[in-house]
């Protein structure tokens, strides 16, 4: 699964980091950073959860 995040849409809630801290982080302004652009089966569930709880819809999975 390919992981992207729209930093222009991100509101800095940090829900993605809480759900999948090895896939996402935040910069010093609280905006999402994608640490892993590819999430394997071992991270699928937590990455899908991160996308689901993102309040701005910035996290995208394809």
PDB file of N, CA and C in Angstrom:
ATOM      1  N   UNK A   1       0.840  -1.152   0.000  1.00  0.00           N
ATOM      2  CA  UNK A   1       0.000   0.000   0.000  1.00  0.00           C
ATOM      3  C   UNK A   1       0.899   1.234   0.000  1.00  0.00           C
ATOM      4  N   UNK A   2       0.568   2.199  -0.853  1.00  0.00           N
ATOM      5  CA  UNK A   2       1.325   3.444  -0.947  1.00  0.00           C
ATOM      6  C   UNK A   2       0.684   4.482  -0.024  1.00  0.00           C
ATOM      7  N   UNK A   3       1.507   5.169   0.750  1.00  0.00           N
ATOM      8  CA  UNK A   3       1.037   6.134   1.749  1.00  0.00           C
ATOM      9  C   UNK A   3       1.469   7.536   1.344  1.00  0.00           C
ATOM     10  N   UNK A   4       0.514   8.459   1.299  1.00  0.00           N
ATOM     11  CA  UNK A   4       0.817   9.862   1.058  1.00  0.00           C
ATOM     12  C   UNK A   4       0.022  10.707   2.039  1.00  0.00           C
ATOM     13  N   UNK A   5       0.436  11.954   2.172  1.00  0.00           N
ATOM     14  CA  UNK A   5      -0.290  12.890   3.024  1.00  0.00           C
ATOM     15  C   UNK A   5      -0.189  14.275   2.414  1.00  0.00           C
ATOM     16  N   UNK A   6      -1.298  14.958   2.354  1.00  0.00           N
ATOM     17  CA  UNK A   6      -1.338  16.315   1.812  1.00  0.00           C
ATOM     18  C   UNK A   6      -1.045  17.295   2.942  1.00  0.00           C
ATOM     19  N   UNK A   7       0.165  17.810   2.955  1.00  0.00           N
ATOM     20  CA  UNK A   7       0.601  18.707   4.022  1.00  0.00           C
ATOM     21  C   UNK A   7      -0.159  20.031   3.998  1.00  0.00           C
ATOM     22  N   UNK A   8      -0.729  20.408   2.856  1.00  0.00           N
ATOM     23  CA  UNK A   8      -1.515  21.636   2.775  1.00  0.00           C
ATOM     24  C   UNK A   8      -2.887  21.481   3.420  1.00  0.00           C
ATOM     25  N   UNK A   9      -3.351  20.252   3.518  1.00  0.00           N
ATOM     26  CA  UNK A   9      -4.668  19.963   4.101  1.00  0.00           C
ATOM     27  C   UNK A   9      -4.560  19.632   5.589  1.00  0.00           C
ATOM     28  N   UNK A  10      -3.424  19.120   6.015  1.00  0.00           N
ATOM     29  CA  UNK A  10      -3.206  18.679   7.396  1.00  0.00           C
ATOM     30  C   UNK A  10      -3.489  19.810   8.391  1.00  0.00           C
ATOM     31  N   UNK A  11      -4.218  19.473   9.460  1.00  0.00           N
ATOM     32  CA  UNK A  11      -4.516  20.444  10.521  1.00  0.00           C
ATOM     33  C   UNK A  11      -3.673  20.208  11.770  1.00  0.00           C
ATOM     34  N   UNK A  12      -2.789  19.223  11.729  1.00  0.00           N
ATOM     35  CA  UNK A  12      -1.872  18.989  12.838  1.00  0.00           C
ATOM     36  C   UNK A  12      -2.478  18.323  14.056  1.00  0.00           C
ATOM     37  N   UNK A  13      -3.542  17.569  13.876  1.00  0.00           N
ATOM     38  CA  UNK A  13      -4.197  16.911  15.010  1.00  0.00           C
ATOM     39  C   UNK A  13      -3.344  15.791  15.601  1.00  0.00           C
ATOM     40  N   UNK A  14      -2.490  15.180  14.800  1.00  0.00           N
ATOM     41  CA  UNK A  14      -1.599  14.134  15.290  1.00  0.00           C
ATOM     42  C   UNK A  14      -2.218  12.767  15.441  1.00  0.00           C
ATOM     43  N   UNK A  15      -3.425  12.576  14.967  1.00  0.00           N
ATOM     44  CA  UNK A  15      -4.090  11.280  15.093  1.00  0.00           C
ATOM     45  C   UNK A  15      -3.354  10.198  14.305  1.00  0.00           C
ATOM     46  N   UNK A  16      -2.781  10.564  13.175  1.00  0.00           N
ATOM     47  CA  UNK A  16      -2.043   9.579  12.370  1.00  0.00           C
ATOM     48  C   UNK A  16      -0.810   9.082  13.121  1.00  0.00           C
ATOM     49  N   UNK A  17      -0.142   9.982  13.821  1.00  0.00           N
ATOM     50  CA  UNK A  17       1.049   9.607  14.581  1.00  0.00           C
ATOM     51  C   UNK A  17       0.664   8.691  15.746  1.00  0.00           C
ATOM     52  N   UNK A  18      -0.434   8.967  16.381  1.00  0.00           N
ATOM     53  CA  UNK A  18      -0.899   8.119  17.483  1.00  0.00           C
ATOM     54  C   UNK A  18      -1.260   6.721  16.990  1.00  0.00           C
ATOM     55  N   UNK A  19      -1.869   6.662  15.820  1.00  0.00           N
ATOM     56  CA  UNK A  19      -2.302   5.370  15.276  1.00  0.00           C
ATOM     57  C   UNK A  19      -1.147   4.561  14.684  1.00  0.00           C
ATOM     58  N   UNK A  20      -0.209   5.244  14.028  1.00  0.00           N
ATOM     59  CA  UNK A  20       0.879   4.542  13.326  1.00  0.00           C
ATOM     60  C   UNK A  20       2.181   5.340  13.439  1.00  0.00           C
ATOM     61  N   UNK A  21       2.794   5.329  14.622  1.00  0.00           N
ATOM     62  CA  UNK A  21       3.982   6.158  14.841  1.00  0.00           C
ATOM     63  C   UNK A  21       5.217   5.756  14.038  1.00  0.00           C
ATOM     64  N   UNK A  22       5.228   4.548  13.508  1.00  0.00           N
ATOM     65  CA  UNK A  22       6.367   4.167  12.672  1.00  0.00           C
ATOM     66  C   UNK A  22       6.130   4.488  11.198  1.00  0.00           C
ATOM     67  N   UNK A  23       4.931   5.001  10.876  1.00  0.00           N
ATOM     68  CA  UNK A  23       4.609   5.391   9.505  1.00  0.00           C
ATOM     69  C   UNK A  23       4.542   6.912   9.372  1.00  0.00           C
ATOM     70  N   UNK A  24       4.079   7.593  10.439  1.00  0.00           N
ATOM     71  CA  UNK A  24       3.885   9.043  10.399  1.00  0.00           C
ATOM     72  C   UNK A  24       4.614   9.741  11.539  1.00  0.00           C
ATOM     73  N   UNK A  25       4.933  10.993  11.297  1.00  0.00           N
ATOM     74  CA  UNK A  25       5.485  11.875  12.327  1.00  0.00           C
ATOM     75  C   UNK A  25       4.941  13.267  12.033  1.00  0.00           C
ATOM     76  N   UNK A  26       5.329  14.224  12.856  1.00  0.00           N
ATOM     77  CA  UNK A  26       4.940  15.611  12.643  1.00  0.00           C
ATOM     78  C   UNK A  26       6.183  16.477  12.680  1.00  0.00           C
ATOM     79  N   UNK A  27       6.183  17.540  11.862  1.00  0.00           N
ATOM     80  CA  UNK A  27       7.298  18.473  11.894  1.00  0.00           C
ATOM     81  C   UNK A  27       7.129  19.420  13.076  1.00  0.00           C
ATOM     82  N   UNK A  28       8.015  20.387  13.209  1.00  0.00           N
ATOM     83  CA  UNK A  28       7.977  21.285  14.361  1.00  0.00           C
ATOM     84  C   UNK A  28       6.717  22.153  14.408  1.00  0.00           C
ATOM     85  N   UNK A  29       6.004  22.246  13.293  1.00  0.00           N
ATOM     86  CA  UNK A  29       4.740  22.988  13.258  1.00  0.00           C
ATOM     87  C   UNK A  29       3.528  22.079  13.434  1.00  0.00           C
ATOM     88  N   UNK A  30       3.776  20.789  13.602  1.00  0.00           N
ATOM     89  CA  UNK A  30       2.692  19.831  13.807  1.00  0.00           C
ATOM     90  C   UNK A  30       2.119  19.245  12.533  1.00  0.00           C
ATOM     91  N   UNK A  31       2.699  19.566  11.393  1.00  0.00           N
ATOM     92  CA  UNK A  31       2.191  19.083  10.113  1.00  0.00           C
ATOM     93  C   UNK A  31       2.748  17.682   9.829  1.00  0.00           C
ATOM     94  N   UNK A  32       1.910  16.849   9.255  1.00  0.00           N
ATOM     95  CA  UNK A  32       2.235  15.444   9.013  1.00  0.00           C
ATOM     96  C   UNK A  32       3.486  15.262   8.152  1.00  0.00           C
ATOM     97  N   UNK A  33       4.255  14.248   8.516  1.00  0.00           N
ATOM     98  CA  UNK A  33       5.382  13.764   7.725  1.00  0.00           C
ATOM     99  C   UNK A  33       5.181  12.271   7.520  1.00  0.00           C
ATOM    100  N   UNK A  34       5.350  11.804   6.305  1.00  0.00           N
ATOM    101  CA  UNK A  34       5.248  10.379   6.016  1.00  0.00           C
ATOM    102  C   UNK A  34       6.647   9.777   6.148  1.00  0.00           C
ATOM    103  N   UNK A  35       6.806   8.865   7.090  1.00  0.00           N
ATOM    104  CA  UNK A  35       8.093   8.206   7.308  1.00  0.00           C
ATOM    105  C   UNK A  35       8.286   7.015   6.381  1.00  0.00           C
ATOM    106  N   UNK A  36       7.204   6.355   6.033  1.00  0.00           N
ATOM    107  CA  UNK A  36       7.245   5.181   5.155  1.00  0.00           C
ATOM    108  C   UNK A  36       6.212   5.362   4.049  1.00  0.00           C
ATOM    109  N   UNK A  37       6.684   5.489   2.833  1.00  0.00           N
ATOM    110  CA  UNK A  37       5.759   5.655   1.714  1.00  0.00           C
ATOM    111  C   UNK A  37       5.127   4.340   1.288  1.00  0.00           C
ATOM    112  N   UNK A  38       5.703   3.243   1.721  1.00  0.00           N
ATOM    113  CA  UNK A  38       5.142   1.922   1.444  1.00  0.00           C
ATOM    114  C   UNK A  38       4.858   1.236   2.783  1.00  0.00           C
ATOM    115  N   UNK A  39       3.626   0.837   2.972  1.00  0.00           N
ATOM    116  CA  UNK A  39       3.244   0.114   4.190  1.00  0.00           C
ATOM    117  C   UNK A  39       2.902  -1.317   3.801  1.00  0.00           C
ATOM    118  N   UNK A  40       3.649  -2.248   4.331  1.00  0.00           N
ATOM    119  CA  UNK A  40       3.422  -3.659   4.044  1.00  0.00           C
ATOM    120  C   UNK A  40       2.253  -4.213   4.832  1.00  0.00           C
ATOM    121  N   UNK A  41       2.001  -5.479   4.640  1.00  0.00           N
ATOM    122  CA  UNK A  41       0.888  -6.146   5.320  1.00  0.00           C
ATOM    123  C   UNK A  41       0.997  -6.050   6.837  1.00  0.00           C
ATOM    124  N   UNK A  42       2.221  -6.011   7.351  1.00  0.00           N
ATOM    125  CA  UNK A  42       2.403  -5.936   8.797  1.00  0.00           C
ATOM    126  C   UNK A  42       1.978  -4.583   9.380  1.00  0.00           C
ATOM    127  N   UNK A  43       1.849  -3.558   8.536  1.00  0.00           N
ATOM    128  CA  UNK A  43       1.433  -2.230   8.994  1.00  0.00           C
ATOM    129  C   UNK A  43       0.092  -1.809   8.400  1.00  0.00           C
ATOM    130  N   UNK A  44      -0.517  -2.692   7.664  1.00  0.00           N
ATOM    131  CA  UNK A  44      -1.763  -2.350   6.959  1.00  0.00           C
ATOM    132  C   UNK A  44      -2.860  -1.854   7.909  1.00  0.00           C
ATOM    133  N   UNK A  45      -3.124  -2.598   8.946  1.00  0.00           N
ATOM    134  CA  UNK A  45      -4.227  -2.250   9.855  1.00  0.00           C
ATOM    135  C   UNK A  45      -4.006  -0.895  10.524  1.00  0.00           C
ATOM    136  N   UNK A  46      -2.803  -0.663  11.051  1.00  0.00           N
ATOM    137  CA  UNK A  46      -2.565   0.609  11.747  1.00  0.00           C
ATOM    138  C   UNK A  46      -2.531   1.781  10.766  1.00  0.00           C
ATOM    139  N   UNK A  47      -2.074   1.539   9.548  1.00  0.00           N
ATOM    140  CA  UNK A  47      -2.039   2.610   8.552  1.00  0.00           C
ATOM    141  C   UNK A  47      -3.443   2.951   8.081  1.00  0.00           C
ATOM    142  N   UNK A  48      -4.278   1.949   7.898  1.00  0.00           N
ATOM    143  CA  UNK A  48      -5.678   2.201   7.550  1.00  0.00           C
ATOM    144  C   UNK A  48      -6.393   2.936   8.673  1.00  0.00           C
ATOM    145  N   UNK A  49      -6.089   2.591   9.914  1.00  0.00           N
ATOM    146  CA  UNK A  49      -6.670   3.285  11.064  1.00  0.00           C
ATOM    147  C   UNK A  49      -6.241   4.753  11.069  1.00  0.00           C
ATOM    148  N   UNK A  50      -4.969   5.000  10.776  1.00  0.00           N
ATOM    149  CA  UNK A  50      -4.464   6.372  10.735  1.00  0.00           C
ATOM    150  C   UNK A  50      -5.213   7.201   9.698  1.00  0.00           C
ATOM    151  N   UNK A  51      -5.453   6.634   8.540  1.00  0.00           N
ATOM    152  CA  UNK A  51      -6.201   7.337   7.497  1.00  0.00           C
ATOM    153  C   UNK A  51      -7.645   7.583   7.926  1.00  0.00           C
ATOM    154  N   UNK A  52      -8.227   6.608   8.589  1.00  0.00           N
ATOM    155  CA  UNK A  52      -9.624   6.718   9.014  1.00  0.00           C
ATOM    156  C   UNK A  52      -9.838   7.784  10.075  1.00  0.00           C
ATOM    157  N   UNK A  53      -8.864   7.976  10.959  1.00  0.00           N
ATOM    158  CA  UNK A  53      -9.043   8.939  12.052  1.00  0.00           C
ATOM    159  C   UNK A  53      -8.517  10.321  11.721  1.00  0.00           C
ATOM    160  N   UNK A  54      -7.930  10.510  10.563  1.00  0.00           N
ATOM    161  CA  UNK A  54      -7.412  11.830  10.180  1.00  0.00           C
ATOM    162  C   UNK A  54      -8.587  12.787   9.996  1.00  0.00           C
ATOM    163  N   UNK A  55      -8.699  13.828  10.827  1.00  0.00           N
ATOM    164  CA  UNK A  55      -9.863  14.704  10.755  1.00  0.00           C
ATOM    165  C   UNK A  55      -9.933  15.563   9.491  1.00  0.00           C
ATOM    166  N   UNK A  56      -8.796  15.800   8.844  1.00  0.00           N
ATOM    167  CA  UNK A  56      -8.794  16.639   7.654  1.00  0.00           C
ATOM    168  C   UNK A  56      -8.800  15.842   6.366  1.00  0.00           C
ATOM    169  N   UNK A  57      -8.592  14.528   6.461  1.00  0.00           N
ATOM    170  CA  UNK A  57      -8.524  13.703   5.262  1.00  0.00           C
ATOM    171  C   UNK A  57      -7.215  13.847   4.512  1.00  0.00           C
ATOM    172  N   UNK A  58      -6.178  14.295   5.201  1.00  0.00           N
ATOM    173  CA  UNK A  58      -4.885  14.513   4.563  1.00  0.00           C
ATOM    174  C   UNK A  58      -4.168  13.212   4.221  1.00  0.00           C
ATOM    175  N   UNK A  59      -4.417  12.159   4.975  1.00  0.00           N
ATOM    176  CA  UNK A  59      -3.730  10.880   4.766  1.00  0.00           C
ATOM    177  C   UNK A  59      -4.462  10.097   3.682  1.00  0.00           C
ATOM    178  N   UNK A  60      -3.684   9.649   2.696  1.00  0.00           N
ATOM    179  CA  UNK A  60      -4.251   8.884   1.578  1.00  0.00           C
ATOM    180  C   UNK A  60      -3.517   7.568   1.419  1.00  0.00           C
ATOM    181  N   UNK A  61      -4.272   6.521   1.124  1.00  0.00           N
ATOM    182  CA  UNK A  61      -3.702   5.190   0.902  1.00  0.00           C
ATOM    183  C   UNK A  61      -4.148   4.700  -0.465  1.00  0.00           C
ATOM    184  N   UNK A  62      -3.204   4.191  -1.240  1.00  0.00           N
ATOM    185  CA  UNK A  62      -3.559   3.631  -2.543  1.00  0.00           C
ATOM    186  C   UNK A  62      -2.900   2.287  -2.711  1.00  0.00           C
TER     187      UNK A  62
END
